[in-house]
Amino acid sequence: MKIGAAVGDGPLTSDSGHMTVLDREFDSVAAENAMKWDAVEPTRGSFNWAAADRLVAHASAHNQGVRGHTLAWVSLPVPGANRRRYGRDVETRGAVNSVAW
């Protein structure tokens, strides 16, 4: 059984104590925010994988598994992303429900 923890880019890049405990106690990590839609595509058509790549590189170096982030959060519009794509914020619940069922 894998035991995991969420990891933010801040601790990953600047908190060695945090990372020491993470590397010693956990064999799986999940991106806290680095793999969320607005972090990966901060502006339409412009992708930034730097934080996600740092997490995956760290996990790989420490033989840890990696979990990504949910593609669509059930009742929370993706901040700004829907506005960029559709000219307004769009609730994702309907999309999630139609995919899930």
Protein backbone atom coordinates (compact mmCIF):
# COMPACT_ATOMS: atom_id res chain seq x y z
CA MET A 1 0.00 0.00 0.00
CA LYS A 2 1.35 3.39 -0.96
CA ILE A 3 1.18 6.23 1.54
CA GLY A 4 1.24 9.68 -0.03
CA ALA A 5 1.20 13.37 0.67
CA ALA A 6 0.34 16.53 -1.24
CA VAL A 7 3.37 18.67 -2.05
CA GLY A 8 3.43 22.36 -2.91
CA ASP A 9 6.08 23.98 -5.07
CA GLY A 10 7.21 26.24 -2.19
CA PRO A 11 8.33 23.45 0.13
CA LEU A 12 9.72 21.54 -2.84
CA THR A 13 12.03 24.40 -3.76
CA SER A 14 12.83 25.99 -0.42
CA ASP A 15 12.05 23.84 2.64
CA SER A 16 14.62 21.08 3.01
CA GLY A 17 13.24 20.00 6.40
CA HIS A 18 9.80 19.45 4.90
CA MET A 19 11.26 17.50 2.01
CA THR A 20 13.43 15.35 4.31
CA VAL A 21 10.32 14.18 6.16
CA LEU A 22 8.41 13.71 2.90
CA ASP A 23 11.19 11.60 1.40
CA ARG A 24 11.60 9.49 4.54
CA GLU A 25 7.91 8.88 5.35
CA PHE A 26 6.03 8.76 2.03
CA ASP A 27 6.31 6.67 -1.10
CA SER A 28 3.81 8.61 -3.19
CA VAL A 29 3.22 12.31 -3.79
CA ALA A 30 0.44 14.40 -5.32
CA ALA A 31 0.79 17.89 -6.68
CA GLU A 32 -0.86 20.38 -4.36
CA ASN A 33 -1.44 22.95 -7.13
CA ALA A 34 1.24 22.40 -9.80
CA MET A 35 -0.96 20.18 -11.96
CA LYS A 36 -4.17 22.17 -11.70
CA TRP A 37 -5.51 23.61 -14.90
CA ASP A 38 -4.79 27.26 -14.07
CA ALA A 39 -1.20 26.44 -13.04
CA VAL A 40 -0.46 24.42 -16.17
CA GLU A 41 -2.14 26.86 -18.59
CA PRO A 42 -1.93 30.30 -16.94
CA THR A 43 -2.97 32.01 -20.17
CA ARG A 44 -4.83 30.43 -23.05
CA GLY A 45 -2.49 28.44 -25.24
CA SER A 46 0.54 29.14 -23.04
CA PHE A 47 1.62 26.18 -20.94
CA ASN A 48 3.92 26.16 -17.93
CA TRP A 49 4.97 22.72 -16.71
CA ALA A 50 7.93 23.92 -14.59
CA ALA A 51 6.43 23.23 -11.14
CA ALA A 52 4.90 19.92 -12.25
CA ASP A 53 8.22 18.88 -13.79
CA ARG A 54 10.07 19.73 -10.56
CA LEU A 55 7.68 17.55 -8.56
CA VAL A 56 7.97 14.61 -10.94
CA ALA A 57 11.78 14.91 -11.06
CA HIS A 58 11.98 14.97 -7.26
CA ALA A 59 9.63 12.00 -6.91
CA SER A 60 11.55 10.04 -9.53
CA ALA A 61 14.85 10.75 -7.77
CA HIS A 62 13.35 9.42 -4.51
CA ASN A 63 11.54 6.41 -5.98
CA GLN A 64 8.09 7.87 -5.20
CA GLY A 65 4.94 7.46 -7.23
CA VAL A 66 3.15 10.58 -8.50
CA ARG A 67 -0.57 11.36 -8.69
CA GLY A 68 -1.85 14.21 -10.81
CA HIS A 69 -4.79 16.47 -10.12
CA THR A 70 -8.47 16.17 -10.97
CA LEU A 71 -9.17 17.43 -14.47
CA ALA A 72 -12.42 19.16 -13.51
CA TRP A 73 -13.35 20.09 -9.96
CA VAL A 74 -17.03 19.20 -9.42
CA SER A 75 -18.56 22.45 -8.17
CA LEU A 76 -15.79 24.97 -8.64
CA PRO A 77 -15.24 26.81 -11.88
CA VAL A 78 -11.64 26.72 -13.03
CA PRO A 79 -10.47 30.23 -12.06
CA GLY A 80 -10.23 32.37 -15.16
CA ALA A 81 -9.80 29.43 -17.53
CA ASN A 82 -13.45 29.24 -18.51
CA ARG A 83 -13.58 33.02 -18.78
CA ARG A 84 -10.65 32.91 -21.21
CA ARG A 85 -12.23 30.16 -23.27
CA TYR A 86 -15.89 31.13 -23.21
CA GLY A 87 -15.94 34.81 -22.25
CA ARG A 88 -17.55 33.99 -18.89
CA ASP A 89 -17.06 31.67 -15.94
CA VAL A 90 -18.71 28.33 -16.58
CA GLU A 91 -19.73 25.96 -13.81
CA THR A 92 -18.06 22.58 -14.34
CA ARG A 93 -20.64 20.49 -12.46
CA GLY A 94 -22.68 19.74 -15.59
CA ALA A 95 -19.62 18.63 -17.52
CA VAL A 96 -18.45 16.42 -14.69
CA ASN A 97 -21.90 14.88 -14.25
CA SER A 98 -22.29 14.14 -17.95
CA VAL A 99 -18.86 12.50 -18.08
CA ALA A 100 -19.28 10.61 -14.82
CA TRP A 101 -22.71 9.18 -15.56
